Full PDB file with SEQRES, HELIX, SHEET, SSBOND, CRYST1, ORIGX, SCALE, CONECT and MASTER records, all heavy atoms in Angstrom:
SEQRES   1 A   37  GLY ILE ALA GLN ALA LEU ILE GLY ASP PRO LYS LEU ILE          
SEQRES   2 A   37  ILE LEU ASP GLU PRO THR VAL GLY LEU ASP PRO LYS GLN          
SEQRES   3 A   37  ILE VAL GLU ILE ARG ASN LEU ILE ARG ILE LEU                  
HELIX    1 AA1 ILE A    2  LEU A    6  1                                   5    
HELIX    2 AA2 PRO A   24  ILE A   36  1                                  13    
CRYST1    1.000    1.000    1.000  90.00  90.00  90.00 P 1           1          
ORIGX1      1.000000  0.000000  0.000000        0.00000                         
ORIGX2      0.000000  1.000000  0.000000        0.00000                         
ORIGX3      0.000000  0.000000  1.000000        0.00000                         
SCALE1      1.000000  0.000000  0.000000        0.00000                         
SCALE2      0.000000  1.000000  0.000000        0.00000                         
SCALE3      0.000000  0.000000  1.000000        0.00000                         
ATOM      1  N   GLY A   1       0.817  -1.205   0.016  1.00  0.00           N  
ATOM      2  CA  GLY A   1       0.002  -0.058  -0.036  1.00  0.00           C  
ATOM      3  C   GLY A   1       0.825   1.340  -0.030  1.00  0.00           C  
ATOM      4  O   GLY A   1       0.519   2.177  -0.708  1.00  0.00           O  
ATOM      5  N   ILE A   2       1.933   1.270   0.797  1.00  0.00           N  
ATOM      6  CA  ILE A   2       2.862   2.385   0.730  1.00  0.00           C  
ATOM      7  C   ILE A   2       3.595   2.492  -0.550  1.00  0.00           C  
ATOM      8  O   ILE A   2       3.772   3.573  -1.128  1.00  0.00           O  
ATOM      9  CB  ILE A   2       3.766   2.363   2.009  1.00  0.00           C  
ATOM     10  CG1 ILE A   2       3.152   2.419   3.256  1.00  0.00           C  
ATOM     11  CG2 ILE A   2       4.897   3.380   1.896  1.00  0.00           C  
ATOM     12  CD1 ILE A   2       4.016   2.130   4.446  1.00  0.00           C  
ATOM     13  N   ALA A   3       3.786   1.358  -1.124  1.00  0.00           N  
ATOM     14  CA  ALA A   3       4.583   1.437  -2.385  1.00  0.00           C  
ATOM     15  C   ALA A   3       3.659   2.101  -3.511  1.00  0.00           C  
ATOM     16  O   ALA A   3       4.178   2.943  -4.363  1.00  0.00           O  
ATOM     17  CB  ALA A   3       4.926   0.020  -2.879  1.00  0.00           C  
ATOM     18  N   GLN A   4       2.369   1.639  -3.534  1.00  0.00           N  
ATOM     19  CA  GLN A   4       1.459   2.383  -4.573  1.00  0.00           C  
ATOM     20  C   GLN A   4       1.327   3.860  -4.256  1.00  0.00           C  
ATOM     21  O   GLN A   4       1.259   4.639  -5.244  1.00  0.00           O  
ATOM     22  CB  GLN A   4       0.102   1.691  -4.521  1.00  0.00           C  
ATOM     23  CG  GLN A   4      -0.752   1.814  -3.321  1.00  0.00           C  
ATOM     24  CD  GLN A   4      -1.461   3.164  -3.194  1.00  0.00           C  
ATOM     25  OE1 GLN A   4      -1.761   3.750  -4.052  1.00  0.00           O  
ATOM     26  NE2 GLN A   4      -1.802   3.579  -1.912  1.00  0.00           N  
ATOM     27  N   ALA A   5       1.435   4.287  -3.055  1.00  0.00           N  
ATOM     28  CA  ALA A   5       1.396   5.729  -2.709  1.00  0.00           C  
ATOM     29  C   ALA A   5       2.714   6.477  -3.225  1.00  0.00           C  
ATOM     30  O   ALA A   5       2.695   7.612  -3.508  1.00  0.00           O  
ATOM     31  CB  ALA A   5       1.182   6.029  -1.188  1.00  0.00           C  
ATOM     32  N   LEU A   6       3.785   5.763  -3.404  1.00  0.00           N  
ATOM     33  CA  LEU A   6       4.957   6.256  -3.781  1.00  0.00           C  
ATOM     34  C   LEU A   6       5.195   6.461  -5.281  1.00  0.00           C  
ATOM     35  O   LEU A   6       6.098   7.076  -5.795  1.00  0.00           O  
ATOM     36  CB  LEU A   6       6.212   5.571  -3.188  1.00  0.00           C  
ATOM     37  CG  LEU A   6       6.429   5.687  -1.601  1.00  0.00           C  
ATOM     38  CD1 LEU A   6       7.470   4.681  -1.231  1.00  0.00           C  
ATOM     39  CD2 LEU A   6       6.572   7.040  -1.146  1.00  0.00           C  
ATOM     40  N   ILE A   7       4.385   5.655  -5.993  1.00  0.00           N  
ATOM     41  CA  ILE A   7       4.510   5.623  -7.415  1.00  0.00           C  
ATOM     42  C   ILE A   7       4.340   7.077  -7.971  1.00  0.00           C  
ATOM     43  O   ILE A   7       3.360   7.701  -7.626  1.00  0.00           O  
ATOM     44  CB  ILE A   7       3.554   4.628  -8.057  1.00  0.00           C  
ATOM     45  CG1 ILE A   7       3.978   3.184  -7.701  1.00  0.00           C  
ATOM     46  CG2 ILE A   7       3.462   4.849  -9.536  1.00  0.00           C  
ATOM     47  CD1 ILE A   7       2.961   2.011  -8.160  1.00  0.00           C  
ATOM     48  N   GLY A   8       5.188   7.375  -8.879  1.00  0.00           N  
ATOM     49  CA  GLY A   8       5.245   8.877  -9.391  1.00  0.00           C  
ATOM     50  C   GLY A   8       6.037   9.854  -8.619  1.00  0.00           C  
ATOM     51  O   GLY A   8       5.995  10.911  -8.964  1.00  0.00           O  
ATOM     52  N   ASP A   9       6.615   9.352  -7.547  1.00  0.00           N  
ATOM     53  CA  ASP A   9       7.378  10.142  -6.767  1.00  0.00           C  
ATOM     54  C   ASP A   9       6.695  11.434  -6.280  1.00  0.00           C  
ATOM     55  O   ASP A   9       7.173  12.542  -6.482  1.00  0.00           O  
ATOM     56  CB  ASP A   9       8.724  10.510  -7.405  1.00  0.00           C  
ATOM     57  CG  ASP A   9       9.772  11.044  -6.437  1.00  0.00           C  
ATOM     58  OD1 ASP A   9       9.673  10.723  -5.230  1.00  0.00           O  
ATOM     59  OD2 ASP A   9      10.681  11.822  -6.905  1.00  0.00           O  
ATOM     60  N   PRO A  10       5.485  11.326  -5.614  1.00  0.00           N  
ATOM     61  CA  PRO A  10       4.769  12.490  -5.193  1.00  0.00           C  
ATOM     62  C   PRO A  10       5.476  13.223  -4.083  1.00  0.00           C  
ATOM     63  O   PRO A  10       6.236  12.507  -3.209  1.00  0.00           O  
ATOM     64  CB  PRO A  10       3.393  11.902  -4.735  1.00  0.00           C  
ATOM     65  CG  PRO A  10       3.715  10.516  -4.292  1.00  0.00           C  
ATOM     66  CD  PRO A  10       4.843  10.024  -5.226  1.00  0.00           C  
ATOM     67  N   LYS A  11       5.318  14.463  -4.007  1.00  0.00           N  
ATOM     68  CA  LYS A  11       6.039  15.199  -2.952  1.00  0.00           C  
ATOM     69  C   LYS A  11       5.357  15.174  -1.553  1.00  0.00           C  
ATOM     70  O   LYS A  11       5.960  15.230  -0.556  1.00  0.00           O  
ATOM     71  CB  LYS A  11       6.095  16.687  -3.265  1.00  0.00           C  
ATOM     72  CG  LYS A  11       7.054  16.888  -4.529  1.00  0.00           C  
ATOM     73  CD  LYS A  11       7.199  18.332  -4.864  1.00  0.00           C  
ATOM     74  CE  LYS A  11       8.002  18.564  -6.134  1.00  0.00           C  
ATOM     75  NZ  LYS A  11       8.154  19.974  -6.496  1.00  0.00           N  
ATOM     76  N   LEU A  12       3.936  14.899  -1.601  1.00  0.00           N  
ATOM     77  CA  LEU A  12       3.208  14.685  -0.377  1.00  0.00           C  
ATOM     78  C   LEU A  12       2.703  13.243  -0.245  1.00  0.00           C  
ATOM     79  O   LEU A  12       2.108  12.758  -1.126  1.00  0.00           O  
ATOM     80  CB  LEU A  12       2.029  15.669  -0.430  1.00  0.00           C  
ATOM     81  CG  LEU A  12       1.005  15.594   0.758  1.00  0.00           C  
ATOM     82  CD1 LEU A  12       1.619  15.834   2.029  1.00  0.00           C  
ATOM     83  CD2 LEU A  12      -0.265  16.431   0.395  1.00  0.00           C  
ATOM     84  N   ILE A  13       2.938  12.723   0.933  1.00  0.00           N  
ATOM     85  CA  ILE A  13       2.458  11.347   1.292  1.00  0.00           C  
ATOM     86  C   ILE A  13       1.514  11.522   2.500  1.00  0.00           C  
ATOM     87  O   ILE A  13       1.921  11.945   3.509  1.00  0.00           O  
ATOM     88  CB  ILE A  13       3.606  10.373   1.585  1.00  0.00           C  
ATOM     89  CG1 ILE A  13       4.731  10.432   0.615  1.00  0.00           C  
ATOM     90  CG2 ILE A  13       3.068   9.039   1.849  1.00  0.00           C  
ATOM     91  CD1 ILE A  13       4.282   9.745  -0.742  1.00  0.00           C  
ATOM     92  N   ILE A  14       0.283  10.982   2.232  1.00  0.00           N  
ATOM     93  CA  ILE A  14      -0.699  10.904   3.414  1.00  0.00           C  
ATOM     94  C   ILE A  14      -0.861   9.498   3.849  1.00  0.00           C  
ATOM     95  O   ILE A  14      -1.170   8.572   2.982  1.00  0.00           O  
ATOM     96  CB  ILE A  14      -2.102  11.490   2.975  1.00  0.00           C  
ATOM     97  CG1 ILE A  14      -1.938  12.989   2.640  1.00  0.00           C  
ATOM     98  CG2 ILE A  14      -3.099  11.380   4.056  1.00  0.00           C  
ATOM     99  CD1 ILE A  14      -3.077  13.609   2.122  1.00  0.00           C  
ATOM    100  N   LEU A  15      -0.639   9.149   5.020  1.00  0.00           N  
ATOM    101  CA  LEU A  15      -0.716   7.773   5.627  1.00  0.00           C  
ATOM    102  C   LEU A  15      -1.800   7.845   6.651  1.00  0.00           C  
ATOM    103  O   LEU A  15      -1.668   8.489   7.642  1.00  0.00           O  
ATOM    104  CB  LEU A  15       0.688   7.313   6.112  1.00  0.00           C  
ATOM    105  CG  LEU A  15       1.820   7.476   5.187  1.00  0.00           C  
ATOM    106  CD1 LEU A  15       3.088   7.041   5.983  1.00  0.00           C  
ATOM    107  CD2 LEU A  15       1.572   6.422   4.037  1.00  0.00           C  
ATOM    108  N   ASP A  16      -2.892   7.005   6.456  1.00  0.00           N  
ATOM    109  CA  ASP A  16      -4.006   7.003   7.413  1.00  0.00           C  
ATOM    110  C   ASP A  16      -4.014   5.700   8.104  1.00  0.00           C  
ATOM    111  O   ASP A  16      -4.139   4.514   7.446  1.00  0.00           O  
ATOM    112  CB  ASP A  16      -5.255   7.149   6.556  1.00  0.00           C  
ATOM    113  CG  ASP A  16      -6.565   7.361   7.614  1.00  0.00           C  
ATOM    114  OD1 ASP A  16      -6.233   7.375   8.758  1.00  0.00           O  
ATOM    115  OD2 ASP A  16      -7.611   7.532   7.050  1.00  0.00           O  
ATOM    116  N   GLU A  17      -3.591   5.613   9.416  1.00  0.00           N  
ATOM    117  CA  GLU A  17      -3.546   4.500  10.264  1.00  0.00           C  
ATOM    118  C   GLU A  17      -2.649   3.377   9.656  1.00  0.00           C  
ATOM    119  O   GLU A  17      -3.076   2.210   9.458  1.00  0.00           O  
ATOM    120  CB  GLU A  17      -4.882   3.972  10.598  1.00  0.00           C  
ATOM    121  CG  GLU A  17      -5.888   4.977  11.132  1.00  0.00           C  
ATOM    122  CD  GLU A  17      -5.493   5.131  12.617  1.00  0.00           C  
ATOM    123  OE1 GLU A  17      -4.617   4.624  13.142  1.00  0.00           O  
ATOM    124  OE2 GLU A  17      -6.244   6.102  13.240  1.00  0.00           O  
ATOM    125  N   PRO A  18      -1.318   3.733   9.264  1.00  0.00           N  
ATOM    126  CA  PRO A  18      -0.487   2.782   8.577  1.00  0.00           C  
ATOM    127  C   PRO A  18      -0.142   1.503   9.292  1.00  0.00           C  
ATOM    128  O   PRO A  18       0.307   0.524   8.762  1.00  0.00           O  
ATOM    129  CB  PRO A  18       0.666   3.506   8.089  1.00  0.00           C  
ATOM    130  CG  PRO A  18       0.769   4.546   9.169  1.00  0.00           C  
ATOM    131  CD  PRO A  18      -0.643   4.886   9.459  1.00  0.00           C  
ATOM    132  N   THR A  19      -0.269   1.463  10.667  1.00  0.00           N  
ATOM    133  CA  THR A  19       0.187   0.310  11.460  1.00  0.00           C  
ATOM    134  C   THR A  19      -0.926  -0.492  12.104  1.00  0.00           C  
ATOM    135  O   THR A  19      -0.663  -1.425  12.892  1.00  0.00           O  
ATOM    136  CB  THR A  19       1.183   0.781  12.540  1.00  0.00           C  
ATOM    137  OG1 THR A  19       0.559   1.595  13.411  1.00  0.00           O  
ATOM    138  CG2 THR A  19       2.389   1.470  11.850  1.00  0.00           C  
ATOM    139  N   VAL A  20      -2.212  -0.111  11.871  1.00  0.00           N  
ATOM    140  CA  VAL A  20      -3.283  -0.843  12.410  1.00  0.00           C  
ATOM    141  C   VAL A  20      -3.219  -2.366  11.972  1.00  0.00           C  
ATOM    142  O   VAL A  20      -3.054  -2.676  10.851  1.00  0.00           O  
ATOM    143  CB  VAL A  20      -4.632  -0.323  11.879  1.00  0.00           C  
ATOM    144  CG1 VAL A  20      -5.893  -1.157  12.344  1.00  0.00           C  
ATOM    145  CG2 VAL A  20      -4.799   1.131  12.447  1.00  0.00           C  
ATOM    146  N   GLY A  21      -3.287  -3.208  13.002  1.00  0.00           N  
ATOM    147  CA  GLY A  21      -3.414  -4.616  12.871  1.00  0.00           C  
ATOM    148  C   GLY A  21      -2.035  -5.198  12.656  1.00  0.00           C  
ATOM    149  O   GLY A  21      -2.024  -6.509  12.354  1.00  0.00           O  
ATOM    150  N   LEU A  22      -0.937  -4.526  12.846  1.00  0.00           N  
ATOM    151  CA  LEU A  22       0.381  -5.089  12.609  1.00  0.00           C  
ATOM    152  C   LEU A  22       0.857  -5.624  13.896  1.00  0.00           C  
ATOM    153  O   LEU A  22       0.540  -5.183  15.015  1.00  0.00           O  
ATOM    154  CB  LEU A  22       1.332  -4.132  12.017  1.00  0.00           C  
ATOM    155  CG  LEU A  22       1.048  -3.533  10.688  1.00  0.00           C  
ATOM    156  CD1 LEU A  22       2.072  -2.630  10.175  1.00  0.00           C  
ATOM    157  CD2 LEU A  22       0.638  -4.632   9.644  1.00  0.00           C  
ATOM    158  N   ASP A  23       1.930  -6.630  13.845  1.00  0.00           N  
ATOM    159  CA  ASP A  23       2.533  -7.072  15.104  1.00  0.00           C  
ATOM    160  C   ASP A  23       3.656  -6.094  15.489  1.00  0.00           C  
ATOM    161  O   ASP A  23       3.975  -5.240  14.691  1.00  0.00           O  
ATOM    162  CB  ASP A  23       2.963  -8.468  14.967  1.00  0.00           C  
ATOM    163  CG  ASP A  23       4.052  -8.653  13.910  1.00  0.00           C  
ATOM    164  OD1 ASP A  23       4.925  -7.822  13.814  1.00  0.00           O  
ATOM    165  OD2 ASP A  23       4.144  -9.722  13.227  1.00  0.00           O  
ATOM    166  N   PRO A  24       4.260  -6.157  16.729  1.00  0.00           N  
ATOM    167  CA  PRO A  24       5.172  -5.231  17.102  1.00  0.00           C  
ATOM    168  C   PRO A  24       6.399  -5.098  16.152  1.00  0.00           C  
ATOM    169  O   PRO A  24       6.864  -3.940  15.984  1.00  0.00           O  
ATOM    170  CB  PRO A  24       5.553  -5.757  18.455  1.00  0.00           C  
ATOM    171  CG  PRO A  24       4.419  -6.479  18.983  1.00  0.00           C  
ATOM    172  CD  PRO A  24       3.792  -7.178  17.825  1.00  0.00           C  
ATOM    173  N   LYS A  25       6.799  -6.302  15.648  1.00  0.00           N  
ATOM    174  CA  LYS A  25       8.047  -6.144  14.758  1.00  0.00           C  
ATOM    175  C   LYS A  25       7.626  -5.357  13.446  1.00  0.00           C  
ATOM    176  O   LYS A  25       8.406  -4.475  12.995  1.00  0.00           O  
ATOM    177  CB  LYS A  25       8.443  -7.461  14.324  1.00  0.00           C  
ATOM    178  CG  LYS A  25       9.802  -7.575  13.384  1.00  0.00           C  
ATOM    179  CD  LYS A  25      10.111  -9.019  13.198  1.00  0.00           C  
ATOM    180  CE  LYS A  25      11.365  -9.214  12.387  1.00  0.00           C  
ATOM    181  NZ  LYS A  25      11.160  -8.693  10.944  1.00  0.00           N  
ATOM    182  N   GLN A  26       6.417  -5.752  12.960  1.00  0.00           N  
ATOM    183  CA  GLN A  26       5.933  -4.871  11.690  1.00  0.00           C  
ATOM    184  C   GLN A  26       5.815  -3.523  11.993  1.00  0.00           C  
ATOM    185  O   GLN A  26       6.143  -2.677  11.032  1.00  0.00           O  
ATOM    186  CB  GLN A  26       4.699  -5.624  11.193  1.00  0.00           C  
ATOM    187  CG  GLN A  26       4.856  -7.018  10.747  1.00  0.00           C  
ATOM    188  CD  GLN A  26       3.481  -7.735  10.425  1.00  0.00           C  
ATOM    189  OE1 GLN A  26       2.511  -7.464  11.142  1.00  0.00           O  
ATOM    190  NE2 GLN A  26       3.590  -8.760   9.637  1.00  0.00           N  
ATOM    191  N   ILE A  27       5.216  -3.188  13.117  1.00  0.00           N  
ATOM    192  CA  ILE A  27       5.091  -1.808  13.527  1.00  0.00           C  
ATOM    193  C   ILE A  27       6.412  -0.974  13.415  1.00  0.00           C  
ATOM    194  O   ILE A  27       6.516   0.115  12.872  1.00  0.00           O  
ATOM    195  CB  ILE A  27       4.383  -1.674  14.938  1.00  0.00           C  
ATOM    196  CG1 ILE A  27       2.904  -2.084  14.831  1.00  0.00           C  
ATOM    197  CG2 ILE A  27       4.544  -0.106  15.345  1.00  0.00           C  
ATOM    198  CD1 ILE A  27       2.277  -2.056  16.189  1.00  0.00           C  
ATOM    199  N   VAL A  28       7.399  -1.608  14.088  1.00  0.00           N  
ATOM    200  CA  VAL A  28       8.766  -1.009  14.070  1.00  0.00           C  
ATOM    201  C   VAL A  28       9.199  -0.764  12.638  1.00  0.00           C  
ATOM    202  O   VAL A  28       9.819   0.262  12.233  1.00  0.00           O  
ATOM    203  CB  VAL A  28       9.783  -1.771  14.822  1.00  0.00           C  
ATOM    204  CG1 VAL A  28      11.216  -1.256  14.751  1.00  0.00           C  
ATOM    205  CG2 VAL A  28       9.341  -1.809  16.337  1.00  0.00           C  
ATOM    206  N   GLU A  29       9.005  -1.715  11.807  1.00  0.00           N  
ATOM    207  CA  GLU A  29       9.493  -1.710  10.365  1.00  0.00           C  
ATOM    208  C   GLU A  29       8.741  -0.540   9.639  1.00  0.00           C  
ATOM    209  O   GLU A  29       9.409   0.159   8.838  1.00  0.00           O  
ATOM    210  CB  GLU A  29       9.305  -3.117   9.748  1.00  0.00           C  
ATOM    211  CG  GLU A  29      10.156  -4.189  10.217  1.00  0.00           C  
ATOM    212  CD  GLU A  29       9.824  -5.501   9.594  1.00  0.00           C  
ATOM    213  OE1 GLU A  29       8.741  -5.672   9.142  1.00  0.00           O  
ATOM    214  OE2 GLU A  29      10.685  -6.435   9.741  1.00  0.00           O  
ATOM    215  N   ILE A  30       7.428  -0.454   9.819  1.00  0.00           N  
ATOM    216  CA  ILE A  30       6.786   0.619   9.156  1.00  0.00           C  
ATOM    217  C   ILE A  30       7.110   1.904   9.679  1.00  0.00           C  
ATOM    218  O   ILE A  30       7.262   2.873   8.922  1.00  0.00           O  
ATOM    219  CB  ILE A  30       5.233   0.381   9.313  1.00  0.00           C  
ATOM    220  CG1 ILE A  30       4.768  -0.950   8.538  1.00  0.00           C  
ATOM    221  CG2 ILE A  30       4.353   1.590   8.683  1.00  0.00           C  
ATOM    222  CD1 ILE A  30       5.030  -0.922   7.083  1.00  0.00           C  
ATOM    223  N   ARG A  31       7.347   2.045  10.897  1.00  0.00           N  
ATOM    224  CA  ARG A  31       7.738   3.465  11.477  1.00  0.00           C  
ATOM    225  C   ARG A  31       9.093   3.875  10.972  1.00  0.00           C  
ATOM    226  O   ARG A  31       9.308   4.984  10.580  1.00  0.00           O  
ATOM    227  CB  ARG A  31       7.807   3.245  13.013  1.00  0.00           C  
ATOM    228  CG  ARG A  31       6.494   3.256  13.625  1.00  0.00           C  
ATOM    229  CD  ARG A  31       6.669   3.166  15.185  1.00  0.00           C  
ATOM    230  NE  ARG A  31       5.279   3.127  15.913  1.00  0.00           N  
ATOM    231  CZ  ARG A  31       5.138   2.868  17.141  1.00  0.00           C  
ATOM    232  NH1 ARG A  31       6.251   2.803  17.978  1.00  0.00           N  
ATOM    233  NH2 ARG A  31       3.930   2.977  17.671  1.00  0.00           N  
ATOM    234  N   ASN A  32       9.912   2.813  10.784  1.00  0.00           N  
ATOM    235  CA  ASN A  32      11.354   3.131  10.224  1.00  0.00           C  
ATOM    236  C   ASN A  32      11.178   3.512   8.819  1.00  0.00           C  
ATOM    237  O   ASN A  32      11.942   4.507   8.355  1.00  0.00           O  
ATOM    238  CB  ASN A  32      12.342   1.937  10.431  1.00  0.00           C  
ATOM    239  CG  ASN A  32      12.680   1.627  11.706  1.00  0.00           C  
ATOM    240  OD1 ASN A  32      12.689   2.548  12.602  1.00  0.00           O  
ATOM    241  ND2 ASN A  32      13.177   0.353  12.126  1.00  0.00           N  
ATOM    242  N   LEU A  33      10.357   2.903   8.081  1.00  0.00           N  
ATOM    243  CA  LEU A  33      10.099   3.307   6.716  1.00  0.00           C  
ATOM    244  C   LEU A  33       9.440   4.752   6.620  1.00  0.00           C  
ATOM    245  O   LEU A  33       9.881   5.487   5.747  1.00  0.00           O  
ATOM    246  CB  LEU A  33       9.144   2.334   5.949  1.00  0.00           C  
ATOM    247  CG  LEU A  33       8.755   2.572   4.578  1.00  0.00           C  
ATOM    248  CD1 LEU A  33       9.857   2.700   3.701  1.00  0.00           C  
ATOM    249  CD2 LEU A  33       7.719   1.509   4.221  1.00  0.00           C  
ATOM    250  N   ILE A  34       8.585   5.084   7.528  1.00  0.00           N  
ATOM    251  CA  ILE A  34       7.941   6.396   7.484  1.00  0.00           C  
ATOM    252  C   ILE A  34       9.048   7.416   7.822  1.00  0.00           C  
ATOM    253  O   ILE A  34       9.154   8.633   7.092  1.00  0.00           O  
ATOM    254  CB  ILE A  34       6.879   6.440   8.578  1.00  0.00           C  
ATOM    255  CG1 ILE A  34       5.724   5.599   8.157  1.00  0.00           C  
ATOM    256  CG2 ILE A  34       6.450   7.926   8.753  1.00  0.00           C  
ATOM    257  CD1 ILE A  34       4.655   5.560   9.225  1.00  0.00           C  
ATOM    258  N   ARG A  35      10.012   7.184   8.739  1.00  0.00           N  
ATOM    259  CA  ARG A  35      11.096   8.041   8.998  1.00  0.00           C  
ATOM    260  C   ARG A  35      11.883   8.330   7.702  1.00  0.00           C  
ATOM    261  O   ARG A  35      12.428   9.455   7.388  1.00  0.00           O  
ATOM    262  CB  ARG A  35      11.944   7.599  10.029  1.00  0.00           C  
ATOM    263  CG  ARG A  35      11.365   7.610  11.429  1.00  0.00           C  
ATOM    264  CD  ARG A  35      12.469   7.265  12.502  1.00  0.00           C  
ATOM    265  NE  ARG A  35      11.833   6.939  13.788  1.00  0.00           N  
ATOM    266  CZ  ARG A  35      11.600   5.799  14.346  1.00  0.00           C  
ATOM    267  NH1 ARG A  35      11.897   4.770  13.586  1.00  0.00           N  
ATOM    268  NH2 ARG A  35      11.133   5.620  15.416  1.00  0.00           N  
ATOM    269  N   ILE A  36      12.199   7.272   6.984  1.00  0.00           N  
ATOM    270  CA  ILE A  36      12.993   7.461   5.668  1.00  0.00           C  
ATOM    271  C   ILE A  36      12.112   8.192   4.636  1.00  0.00           C  
ATOM    272  O   ILE A  36      12.767   9.128   4.009  1.00  0.00           O  
ATOM    273  CB  ILE A  36      13.363   5.997   5.205  1.00  0.00           C  
ATOM    274  CG1 ILE A  36      14.320   5.271   6.130  1.00  0.00           C  
ATOM    275  CG2 ILE A  36      13.988   6.164   3.831  1.00  0.00           C  
ATOM    276  CD1 ILE A  36      14.448   3.826   5.750  1.00  0.00           C  
ATOM    277  N   LEU A  37      10.928   8.002   4.580  1.00  0.00           N  
ATOM    278  CA  LEU A  37      10.110   8.718   3.659  1.00  0.00           C  
ATOM    279  C   LEU A  37      10.170  10.283   3.917  1.00  0.00           C  
ATOM    280  O   LEU A  37      10.071  10.997   3.125  1.00  0.00           O  
ATOM    281  CB  LEU A  37       8.662   8.192   3.646  1.00  0.00           C  
ATOM    282  CG  LEU A  37       8.438   6.746   3.110  1.00  0.00           C  
ATOM    283  CD1 LEU A  37       6.867   6.497   3.246  1.00  0.00           C  
ATOM    284  CD2 LEU A  37       8.844   6.724   1.726  1.00  0.00           C  
TER     285      LEU A  37                                                      
MASTER        0    0    0    2    0    0    0    6  284    1    0    3          
END                                                                             
């Protein structure tokens, strides 16, 4: 889902509840990805 949002290299990314339903390890991974973005 985040990958499709990045297609076209948009300058603005809107993420609505991106970690809902994820386990703790997945939450950390998504948070790290958001920091990079």
